[in-house]
Amino acid sequence: MGVIRYILLTLGAVSAVFSTDTGNEEKLKTCLQYALTDSGRVAFAGDPFYQVADVKRYNLNIPVTPAAVTFPTSSHQVAAIVKCAADNGYHVQAKSGGHSYANYCLGGTDGAVVVDLKNLQQFSMDNTNWHATIGGGTLLGDVTQRLHDAGGRAMSHGTCPQVGSGGHFTIGGLGPTSRQFGAALDHIVEAEVVLANSSIIRASDTENADVFWAIKGAASGFGIVTEFTVRTEPEPGTAVKYEYTFKIGSTEGRAKLFKQWQAYISNPQLTRKLASTLTLLEDTLIITGTFFGTEEEYKALDIGSQFPGTNGSAVVFQDWLGLVGNWAEEAALELGGGIAANFYAKSNAWTPKNLMSNETIDQLFKYIDNTDKGTLIWFLLFDFQGGYTNDIPADATAYAHRDVLLWLQSYSINLLGEVTQTQIDFLDRVNEMITPQDHPYAAYPGYVDPLMPNGAEAYWGSNLARLRQIKSDIDPENVFRNPQSPSPAL
């Protein structure tokens, strides 16, 4: 079955759960227009430039038309929007930065009501405990700048500045400092949340604890976080940004280098100050990362000796904002940053106990070098994690993948039109051959894969049963939903 047909059928099935008619559409419009009278804005399907100016799809390969896109200016307006939608039989999804890989924030063909949080930009810093308050619509680039301006503070998050905190903080939020300080969601100490019954609550370990647990890993199916309170740490000081490149070469040579890198990052004694990523492109293998320490400490690691045959370089950064800006430039190269495109993406994971064998690695590189990929624009990005994120029990938050040492993001991009079946088959086969056979399949909740069966099990693993029970308690009518979100327990 073709990808577009599959997705349309899937989204259509989701939309069928919420039965709407023309009368309800008019009631929804009237209700939303009234809710946003004083400030904010609402756009409806059929409005001029609706798809371009308001919907703004990120993955152009998936056609979606939400019933309405709303732009509230306060949590009270968010609550009013949720009530309008629920009362008229529409489901709701929030949108922060708009980088959902499968545009799940935009619902199905009959349309969700989208709550675009871009106007929720509140920020403050409590200098007594260095806890920051951050609006749910704040982009990561602005989070970095505002924390810096408020006392040279920082928190863990990803490297793409256009990603929104509302989604990123609540699905994981991995980044270069996560091995030292935890994922973005591990920094959340309290949140303001709008629930399906349109109530506005505060959630923390001591107040509405079940909601707090659920939003730290699965918020899109449980509520809309309009404000975060997060712990922060001092900005890292000196750091070294390194890169080792191996171009062309033989299949065996690149496979050998991958084995050396995997062996290196799987050393349990490896310092948590080191972040590392291996990117596999057409005929090129690149090892990049950051060491959070001095140049002398970096040289003592002697990383270059671990990867013979590569062309290495290193740049020392004394300026935190300069380092983050350099990461952002790399993120732009990986997937166009904020540029929309037709692409297909998947994720996969390994723990220290089930890393790829030498035989599997050889099989992977032979397949890559001898198959039609359907495009020259593809890449496999292996991201080293572990450290602090492994210290936290799997059931401490909804984010279940605490034992993961290595994440894979795989992409295939088509700049000329829709993603082809050849591209899909290539990524599917890559992930199939390297998936650990003795461990449940794990997928990262932020790398949405609409073609993956049993998505909820892959995203939330052992925590899914508790999520479904909480869903029954706070959203039994499934107002907040997408095609792979947890459903209420029966």
Protein backbone atom coordinates (compact mmCIF):
# COMPACT_ATOMS: atom_id res chain seq x y z
CA MET A 1 0.00 0.00 0.00
CA GLY A 2 1.40 3.44 -0.92
CA VAL A 3 2.40 5.76 1.91
CA ILE A 4 -0.13 8.49 1.09
CA ARG A 5 -3.02 6.05 0.82
CA TYR A 6 -2.00 4.35 4.07
CA ILE A 7 -1.80 7.63 5.97
CA LEU A 8 -5.07 8.94 4.59
CA LEU A 9 -6.83 5.74 5.63
CA THR A 10 -5.27 5.89 9.08
CA LEU A 11 -6.16 9.54 9.61
CA GLY A 12 -9.63 8.96 8.23
CA ALA A 13 -10.19 6.19 10.76
CA VAL A 14 -9.13 8.53 13.55
CA SER A 15 -11.42 11.30 12.35
CA ALA A 16 -14.35 8.91 12.16
CA VAL A 17 -14.28 8.59 15.94
CA PHE A 18 -15.31 12.25 16.14
CA SER A 19 -18.49 12.56 14.09
CA THR A 20 -19.03 16.11 12.89
CA ASP A 21 -21.61 17.63 10.58
CA THR A 22 -22.24 21.01 9.00
CA GLY A 23 -24.22 22.17 12.02
CA ASN A 24 -21.36 21.35 14.34
CA GLU A 25 -18.92 23.13 12.05
CA GLU A 26 -20.92 26.34 12.31
CA LYS A 27 -21.25 25.95 16.07
CA LEU A 28 -17.49 25.41 16.32
CA LYS A 29 -16.76 28.52 14.28
CA THR A 30 -19.11 30.66 16.36
CA CYS A 31 -17.71 29.31 19.61
CA LEU A 32 -14.06 29.82 18.62
CA GLN A 33 -14.69 33.31 17.28
CA TYR A 34 -16.34 34.24 20.56
CA ALA A 35 -13.53 32.65 22.62
CA LEU A 36 -10.91 34.71 20.77
CA THR A 37 -12.80 38.02 20.56
CA ASP A 38 -10.50 40.17 22.70
CA SER A 39 -7.17 38.83 21.46
CA GLY A 40 -5.73 35.86 19.66
CA ARG A 41 -6.85 34.67 16.26
CA VAL A 42 -8.54 31.73 14.57
CA ALA A 43 -8.29 30.49 10.97
CA PHE A 44 -10.59 27.96 9.31
CA ALA A 45 -10.27 25.48 6.47
CA GLY A 46 -11.11 27.32 3.28
CA ASP A 47 -9.64 30.64 4.39
CA PRO A 48 -7.19 32.25 1.91
CA PHE A 49 -3.62 30.93 2.27
CA TYR A 50 -4.80 28.57 5.04
CA GLN A 51 -2.30 25.80 4.34
CA VAL A 52 0.66 28.13 3.77
CA ALA A 53 0.10 30.80 6.41
CA ASP A 54 -1.70 28.91 9.19
CA VAL A 55 -1.24 25.15 8.86
CA LYS A 56 2.43 25.31 7.78
CA ARG A 57 3.10 21.60 7.30
CA TYR A 58 6.65 20.52 8.12
CA ASN A 59 6.55 17.12 6.43
CA LEU A 60 5.03 17.94 3.05
CA ASN A 61 4.61 14.25 2.33
CA ILE A 62 1.54 14.05 4.56
CA PRO A 63 -1.54 16.05 3.46
CA VAL A 64 -3.65 17.27 6.38
CA THR A 65 -6.39 19.86 6.74
CA PRO A 66 -7.33 20.76 10.32
CA ALA A 67 -10.81 22.12 10.94
CA ALA A 68 -9.33 25.21 12.54
CA VAL A 69 -6.00 26.62 13.67
CA THR A 70 -6.22 28.82 16.73
CA PHE A 71 -3.68 31.29 18.09
CA PRO A 72 -4.52 31.93 21.77
CA THR A 73 -2.72 34.47 23.92
CA SER A 74 -3.39 32.95 27.35
CA SER A 75 -4.07 29.65 29.10
CA HIS A 76 -7.68 30.78 29.61
CA GLN A 77 -8.12 31.11 25.87
CA VAL A 78 -6.56 27.66 25.42
CA ALA A 79 -9.13 26.28 27.86
CA ALA A 80 -11.96 27.99 26.00
CA ILE A 81 -10.74 26.53 22.69
CA VAL A 82 -10.61 23.02 24.16
CA LYS A 83 -14.17 23.41 25.43
CA CYS A 84 -15.42 24.63 22.06
CA ALA A 85 -13.84 21.66 20.31
CA ALA A 86 -14.90 18.99 22.79
CA ASP A 87 -18.49 20.29 23.00
CA ASN A 88 -18.81 20.05 19.22
CA GLY A 89 -17.17 16.65 18.69
CA TYR A 90 -13.69 17.71 17.54
CA HIS A 91 -10.41 16.42 18.84
CA VAL A 92 -7.59 18.78 19.79
CA GLN A 93 -3.83 18.87 19.32
CA ALA A 94 -1.37 21.52 20.39
CA LYS A 95 1.37 22.90 18.17
CA SER A 96 4.47 24.61 19.51
CA GLY A 97 7.30 24.86 16.99
CA GLY A 98 5.53 22.83 14.32
CA HIS A 99 8.29 20.27 13.76
CA SER A 100 6.14 17.18 14.21
CA TYR A 101 7.66 14.69 11.75
CA ALA A 102 4.25 13.33 10.77
CA ASN A 103 2.25 16.50 11.42
CA TYR A 104 0.25 14.66 14.05
CA CYS A 105 -0.48 17.98 15.67
CA LEU A 106 -2.81 18.64 12.74
CA GLY A 107 -5.09 15.65 13.14
CA GLY A 108 -7.03 13.84 10.45
CA THR A 109 -8.80 14.56 7.19
CA ASP A 110 -12.01 15.69 8.91
CA GLY A 111 -9.76 17.86 11.00
CA ALA A 112 -8.66 18.53 14.50
CA VAL A 113 -8.75 21.89 16.19
CA VAL A 114 -5.11 22.95 16.40
CA VAL A 115 -3.93 25.11 19.29
CA ASP A 116 -0.87 27.01 18.10
CA LEU A 117 1.00 28.16 21.22
CA LYS A 118 3.34 30.63 19.53
CA ASN A 119 1.95 33.60 21.51
CA LEU A 120 2.66 31.98 24.90
CA GLN A 121 6.11 33.49 25.40
CA GLN A 122 6.15 34.28 29.13
CA PHE A 123 9.52 33.97 30.86
CA SER A 124 10.88 34.66 34.33
CA MET A 125 13.73 33.48 36.53
CA ASP A 126 13.64 32.87 40.28
CA ASN A 127 17.13 33.81 41.39
CA THR A 128 16.71 32.10 44.77
CA ASN A 129 16.54 28.58 43.29
CA TRP A 130 17.35 29.24 39.62
CA HIS A 131 14.03 27.83 38.46
CA ALA A 132 12.82 29.37 35.20
CA THR A 133 9.23 29.80 34.02
CA ILE A 134 8.90 29.24 30.27
CA GLY A 135 5.82 29.64 28.06
CA GLY A 136 4.77 26.59 26.06
CA GLY A 137 5.22 28.38 22.73
CA THR A 138 8.87 29.33 23.27
CA LEU A 139 11.28 28.06 20.62
CA LEU A 140 14.51 26.39 21.76
CA GLY A 141 16.64 29.18 20.32
CA ASP A 142 14.77 31.66 22.51
CA VAL A 143 15.00 29.35 25.54
CA THR A 144 18.79 29.39 25.22
CA GLN A 145 18.98 33.17 24.86
CA ARG A 146 16.56 33.97 27.68
CA LEU A 147 18.24 31.60 30.13
CA HIS A 148 21.60 33.17 29.23
CA ASP A 149 20.28 36.69 29.74
CA ALA A 150 18.73 35.72 33.10
CA GLY A 151 22.02 34.85 34.76
CA GLY A 152 24.08 32.64 32.50
CA ARG A 153 21.85 29.61 33.00
CA ALA A 154 21.15 26.62 30.76
CA MET A 155 19.16 23.38 30.52
CA SER A 156 19.35 20.29 28.33
CA HIS A 157 17.48 20.33 25.03
CA GLY A 158 18.00 19.61 21.36
CA THR A 159 20.07 21.57 18.87
CA CYS A 160 17.49 22.84 16.36
CA PRO A 161 16.47 26.41 17.36
CA GLN A 162 13.11 26.31 15.53
CA VAL A 163 11.75 23.41 17.62
CA GLY A 164 9.12 24.44 20.18
CA SER A 165 9.48 23.74 23.89
CA GLY A 166 5.85 22.68 24.27
CA GLY A 167 6.39 19.49 22.31
CA HIS A 168 10.12 18.99 22.81
CA PHE A 169 10.08 19.21 26.62
CA THR A 170 7.22 16.72 26.88
CA ILE A 171 8.39 13.85 24.67
CA GLY A 172 11.98 13.61 25.93
CA GLY A 173 14.12 16.44 24.71
CA LEU A 174 17.55 14.88 24.23
CA GLY A 175 20.60 16.98 23.43
CA PRO A 176 24.39 17.25 23.79
CA THR A 177 24.26 17.93 27.56
CA SER A 178 21.75 15.16 28.38
CA ARG A 179 24.47 12.73 29.44
CA GLN A 180 25.44 15.20 32.16
CA PHE A 181 22.15 16.83 33.16
CA GLY A 182 19.30 14.64 31.85
CA ALA A 183 16.73 15.14 29.11
CA ALA A 184 14.68 18.34 28.87
CA LEU A 185 11.73 16.64 30.58
CA ASP A 186 13.98 15.76 33.53
CA HIS A 187 14.31 19.50 34.17
CA ILE A 188 10.56 20.08 34.56
CA VAL A 189 9.57 20.62 38.20
CA GLU A 190 6.05 21.99 37.63
CA ALA A 191 3.70 22.74 34.76
CA GLU A 192 0.46 24.54 34.00
CA VAL A 193 -1.78 22.18 32.04
CA VAL A 194 -5.14 22.55 30.29
CA LEU A 195 -7.10 19.28 30.54
CA ALA A 196 -9.80 17.83 28.29
CA ASN A 197 -12.57 19.14 30.59
CA SER A 198 -11.10 22.65 29.95
CA SER A 199 -9.85 23.02 33.52
CA ILE A 200 -6.48 24.69 34.14
CA ILE A 201 -4.36 22.92 36.73
CA ARG A 202 -0.87 22.99 38.21
CA ALA A 203 0.96 19.67 38.06
CA SER A 204 4.05 18.56 39.96
CA ASP A 205 5.30 15.63 42.01
CA THR A 206 3.01 16.72 44.84
CA GLU A 207 0.02 18.17 42.97
CA ASN A 208 -1.89 16.28 40.26
CA ALA A 209 1.00 13.83 40.26
CA ASP A 210 -0.51 11.44 37.70
CA VAL A 211 -0.93 14.23 35.18
CA PHE A 212 2.62 15.39 35.86
CA TRP A 213 3.92 11.86 35.30
CA ALA A 214 2.04 11.55 31.99
CA ILE A 215 3.08 14.88 30.50
CA LYS A 216 6.75 14.04 31.06
CA GLY A 217 6.90 11.85 27.98
CA ALA A 218 3.40 11.73 26.47
CA ALA A 219 1.74 15.13 26.86
CA SER A 220 0.12 15.31 23.40
CA GLY A 221 -2.43 12.69 24.44
CA PHE A 222 -3.19 14.11 27.88
CA GLY A 223 -3.34 17.89 27.86
CA ILE A 224 -1.80 21.12 26.68
CA VAL A 225 1.14 22.45 28.69
CA THR A 226 0.91 26.22 28.60
CA GLU A 227 3.76 26.92 31.03
CA PHE A 228 6.79 25.07 32.40
CA THR A 229 8.78 25.62 35.54
CA VAL A 230 12.22 24.08 35.02
CA ARG A 231 15.41 23.65 36.99
CA THR A 232 18.49 25.12 35.34
CA GLU A 233 22.23 24.75 35.71
CA PRO A 234 25.10 27.15 35.08
CA GLU A 235 26.12 27.40 31.44
CA PRO A 236 28.94 25.00 30.60
CA GLY A 237 32.28 26.78 30.35
CA THR A 238 34.95 25.84 27.86
CA ALA A 239 33.96 23.17 25.34
CA VAL A 240 35.62 21.48 22.37
CA LYS A 241 33.62 20.76 19.22
CA TYR A 242 35.22 17.92 17.26
CA GLU A 243 34.69 16.21 13.90
CA TYR A 244 36.25 13.16 12.24
CA THR A 245 35.37 12.45 8.61
CA PHE A 246 35.89 9.28 6.56
CA LYS A 247 35.02 9.86 2.90
CA ILE A 248 34.53 7.27 0.19
CA GLY A 249 36.60 4.28 1.30
CA SER A 250 35.55 0.65 1.07
CA THR A 251 32.44 -0.96 2.53
CA GLU A 252 34.66 -2.92 4.88
CA GLY A 253 36.58 0.21 5.93
CA ARG A 254 33.46 2.13 6.92
CA ALA A 255 32.01 -0.89 8.71
CA LYS A 256 35.25 -1.25 10.67
CA LEU A 257 35.15 2.41 11.69
CA PHE A 258 31.55 2.05 12.88
CA LYS A 259 32.55 -0.94 15.00
CA GLN A 260 35.36 1.09 16.56
CA TRP A 261 33.01 3.95 17.37
CA GLN A 262 30.39 1.65 18.89
CA ALA A 263 33.03 -0.02 21.04
CA TYR A 264 34.31 3.37 22.17
CA ILE A 265 30.95 4.83 23.23
CA SER A 266 29.88 1.59 24.95
CA ASN A 267 32.69 1.87 27.51
CA PRO A 268 30.80 2.37 30.82
CA GLN A 269 33.72 4.39 32.19
CA LEU A 270 33.57 6.97 29.39
CA THR A 271 33.19 10.49 30.77
CA ARG A 272 29.72 12.02 30.75
CA LYS A 273 31.28 15.24 29.51
CA LEU A 274 31.52 13.68 26.05
CA ALA A 275 28.69 13.82 23.50
CA SER A 276 29.06 11.96 20.21
CA THR A 277 27.09 11.31 17.03
CA LEU A 278 27.92 9.17 14.02
CA THR A 279 26.25 10.20 10.76
CA LEU A 280 26.23 7.92 7.75
CA LEU A 281 25.67 9.59 4.37
CA GLU A 282 26.20 8.51 0.78
CA ASP A 283 29.88 7.40 0.68
CA THR A 284 30.72 9.36 3.85
CA LEU A 285 30.88 8.62 7.57
CA ILE A 286 31.19 11.54 10.02
CA ILE A 287 31.81 11.36 13.77
CA THR A 288 30.96 14.64 15.52
CA GLY A 289 30.44 15.73 19.07
CA THR A 290 31.26 18.03 21.92
CA PHE A 291 33.51 17.60 24.92
CA PHE A 292 32.51 19.84 27.81
CA GLY A 293 35.91 20.62 29.24
CA THR A 294 39.22 22.26 28.44
CA GLU A 295 41.32 21.69 25.35
CA GLU A 296 43.94 19.97 27.51
CA GLU A 297 41.34 17.56 28.92
CA TYR A 298 40.08 16.87 25.41
CA LYS A 299 43.56 16.10 24.11
CA ALA A 300 44.08 13.70 27.01
CA LEU A 301 41.16 11.63 25.73
CA ASP A 302 43.11 11.07 22.49
CA ILE A 303 39.91 10.48 20.53
CA GLY A 304 41.65 10.64 17.19
CA SER A 305 43.59 7.46 17.92
CA GLN A 306 40.30 5.62 18.27
CA PHE A 307 39.33 6.32 14.67
CA PRO A 308 42.33 5.78 12.39
CA GLY A 309 42.00 6.83 8.78
CA THR A 310 39.73 9.79 9.50
CA ASN A 311 40.35 13.46 8.83
CA GLY A 312 39.94 15.15 12.22
CA SER A 313 39.47 18.71 13.47
CA ALA A 314 38.54 20.43 16.72
CA VAL A 315 37.39 23.92 17.65
CA VAL A 316 37.48 25.34 21.19
CA PHE A 317 34.52 27.42 22.36
CA GLN A 318 34.65 29.73 25.36
CA ASP A 319 31.21 31.18 24.57
CA TRP A 320 28.11 29.06 25.33
CA LEU A 321 25.92 30.93 22.84
CA GLY A 322 28.57 30.49 20.17
CA LEU A 323 28.63 26.72 20.76
CA VAL A 324 24.83 26.45 20.66
CA GLY A 325 24.83 28.49 17.46
CA ASN A 326 27.30 26.07 15.92
CA TRP A 327 25.03 23.14 16.82
CA ALA A 328 22.14 24.96 15.15
CA GLU A 329 24.10 25.27 11.92
CA GLU A 330 24.59 21.50 11.89
CA ALA A 331 20.92 20.90 12.62
CA ALA A 332 20.03 23.04 9.62
CA LEU A 333 22.20 20.84 7.42
CA GLU A 334 20.64 17.64 8.74
CA LEU A 335 17.04 18.33 7.77
CA GLY A 336 16.82 21.87 6.53
CA GLY A 337 16.19 23.34 9.98
CA GLY A 338 12.90 25.14 9.62
CA ILE A 339 12.47 24.31 5.94
CA ALA A 340 9.53 22.06 5.07
CA ALA A 341 10.22 19.06 2.83
CA ASN A 342 8.91 15.67 1.72
CA PHE A 343 10.59 13.08 3.92
CA TYR A 344 10.20 9.75 5.67
CA ALA A 345 11.81 9.16 9.05
CA LYS A 346 12.17 6.31 11.53
CA SER A 347 13.88 5.69 14.86
CA ASN A 348 15.46 2.73 16.61
CA ALA A 349 17.36 2.09 19.82
CA TRP A 350 19.97 -0.10 21.49
CA THR A 351 20.86 -0.68 25.11
CA PRO A 352 24.33 -1.68 26.36
CA LYS A 353 23.10 -5.28 26.41
CA ASN A 354 21.98 -5.56 22.79
CA LEU A 355 24.32 -3.45 20.68
CA MET A 356 24.81 -4.50 17.07
CA SER A 357 27.11 -7.45 16.48
CA ASN A 358 30.00 -7.24 14.05
CA GLU A 359 28.04 -9.47 11.68
CA THR A 360 25.02 -7.15 11.78
CA ILE A 361 27.19 -4.10 11.10
CA ASP A 362 28.81 -5.82 8.12
CA GLN A 363 25.37 -6.75 6.81
CA LEU A 364 24.17 -3.14 7.20
CA PHE A 365 27.04 -1.61 5.23
CA LYS A 366 26.85 -4.22 2.48
CA TYR A 367 23.13 -3.55 2.07
CA ILE A 368 23.60 0.21 1.97
CA ASP A 369 26.32 0.00 -0.66
CA ASN A 370 24.38 -2.37 -2.91
CA THR A 371 20.76 -1.20 -2.91
CA ASP A 372 18.64 1.42 -4.65
CA LYS A 373 17.79 4.03 -2.03
CA GLY A 374 15.47 6.05 -4.26
CA THR A 375 17.34 9.29 -3.49
CA LEU A 376 20.81 10.64 -2.83
CA ILE A 377 19.49 12.68 0.13
CA TRP A 378 19.32 10.22 2.99
CA PHE A 379 21.22 9.74 6.22
CA LEU A 380 21.44 7.57 9.31
CA LEU A 381 22.22 9.46 12.51
CA PHE A 382 23.41 7.35 15.46
CA ASP A 383 23.22 9.43 18.66
CA PHE A 384 25.13 8.44 21.81
CA GLN A 385 23.08 8.92 24.98
CA GLY A 386 23.11 7.16 28.36
CA GLY A 387 24.67 8.83 31.39
CA TYR A 388 22.20 10.80 33.50
CA THR A 389 19.22 9.63 31.43
CA ASN A 390 20.10 6.02 32.33
CA ASP A 391 20.19 6.84 36.06
CA ILE A 392 16.44 7.44 36.24
CA PRO A 393 14.08 4.43 36.60
CA ALA A 394 11.94 3.62 33.56
CA ASP A 395 8.73 4.15 35.52
CA ALA A 396 9.74 7.50 37.05
CA THR A 397 8.16 9.41 34.11
CA ALA A 398 6.10 8.44 31.08
CA TYR A 399 9.33 8.47 29.03
CA ALA A 400 10.23 4.80 29.28
CA HIS A 401 13.48 4.39 27.35
CA ARG A 402 15.87 5.00 30.21
CA ASP A 403 18.16 2.10 29.35
CA VAL A 404 18.92 3.31 25.81
CA LEU A 405 22.58 3.97 25.04
CA LEU A 406 22.28 4.59 21.30
CA TRP A 407 19.43 6.13 19.29
CA LEU A 408 19.12 5.98 15.52
CA GLN A 409 17.31 8.60 13.45
CA SER A 410 17.02 7.55 9.81
CA TYR A 411 15.79 9.86 7.06
CA SER A 412 15.01 9.78 3.36
CA ILE A 413 14.21 13.10 1.67
CA ASN A 414 12.72 13.88 -1.74
CA LEU A 415 13.12 17.46 -2.96
CA LEU A 416 11.20 16.78 -6.18
CA GLY A 417 7.89 15.48 -4.84
CA GLU A 418 6.35 12.77 -2.68
CA VAL A 419 8.52 10.17 -1.02
CA THR A 420 8.62 7.06 -3.19
CA GLN A 421 8.02 3.47 -2.19
CA THR A 422 11.68 2.74 -2.95
CA GLN A 423 12.72 5.29 -0.31
CA ILE A 424 10.33 3.79 2.22
CA ASP A 425 11.49 0.26 1.49
CA PHE A 426 15.12 1.30 1.95
CA LEU A 427 14.62 2.77 5.43
CA ASP A 428 12.28 -0.03 6.48
CA ARG A 429 14.81 -2.67 5.46
CA VAL A 430 17.69 -0.87 7.19
CA ASN A 431 15.74 -0.72 10.45
CA GLU A 432 14.51 -4.29 10.09
CA MET A 433 17.97 -5.80 9.71
CA ILE A 434 19.50 -3.93 12.66
CA THR A 435 16.59 -4.13 15.12
CA PRO A 436 17.60 -6.03 18.27
CA GLN A 437 15.77 -9.37 18.26
CA ASP A 438 15.96 -9.97 22.02
CA HIS A 439 14.44 -6.67 23.16
CA PRO A 440 11.06 -4.95 22.61
CA TYR A 441 11.19 -2.47 19.72
CA ALA A 442 11.81 1.04 21.06
CA ALA A 443 11.03 4.21 19.11
CA TYR A 444 11.61 7.78 20.26
CA PRO A 445 8.29 9.64 20.76
CA GLY A 446 9.65 12.74 19.04
CA TYR A 447 10.57 10.94 15.81
CA VAL A 448 7.04 10.08 14.74
CA ASP A 449 6.74 7.21 12.26
CA PRO A 450 3.17 6.99 10.88
CA LEU A 451 3.83 3.68 9.12
CA MET A 452 5.00 1.89 12.26
CA PRO A 453 2.50 -0.64 13.60
CA ASN A 454 1.82 -0.66 17.34
CA GLY A 455 3.30 2.81 17.73
CA ALA A 456 2.10 3.34 21.29
CA GLU A 457 3.89 0.19 22.47
CA ALA A 458 7.13 1.27 20.78
CA TYR A 459 6.98 4.85 22.09
CA TRP A 460 6.00 4.16 25.72
CA GLY A 461 6.84 0.51 26.30
CA SER A 462 6.32 -0.67 29.86
CA ASN A 463 4.63 2.60 30.82
CA LEU A 464 1.76 2.26 28.34
CA ALA A 465 -0.63 0.48 30.72
CA ARG A 466 -0.38 3.26 33.32
CA LEU A 467 -0.74 5.91 30.62
CA ARG A 468 -3.95 4.29 29.39
CA GLN A 469 -5.37 4.25 32.90
CA ILE A 470 -4.54 7.93 33.46
CA LYS A 471 -6.10 8.64 30.06
CA SER A 472 -9.34 7.01 31.23
CA ASP A 473 -9.32 9.18 34.34
CA ILE A 474 -8.65 12.59 32.76
CA ASP A 475 -9.64 12.25 29.08
CA PRO A 476 -12.12 9.37 28.72
CA GLU A 477 -13.60 10.85 25.51
CA ASN A 478 -10.14 10.96 23.91
CA VAL A 479 -10.25 14.69 23.12
CA PHE A 480 -6.44 14.91 22.94
CA ARG A 481 -5.40 12.31 20.42
CA ASN A 482 -3.37 11.43 17.38
CA PRO A 483 -3.18 8.17 15.43
CA GLN A 484 -0.55 6.64 17.73
CA SER A 485 -1.33 8.19 21.14
CA PRO A 486 -2.38 6.05 24.12
CA SER A 487 -6.10 5.24 24.13
CA PRO A 488 -8.19 5.12 27.33
CA ALA A 489 -8.15 1.82 29.20
CA LEU A 490 -11.32 -0.20 28.75
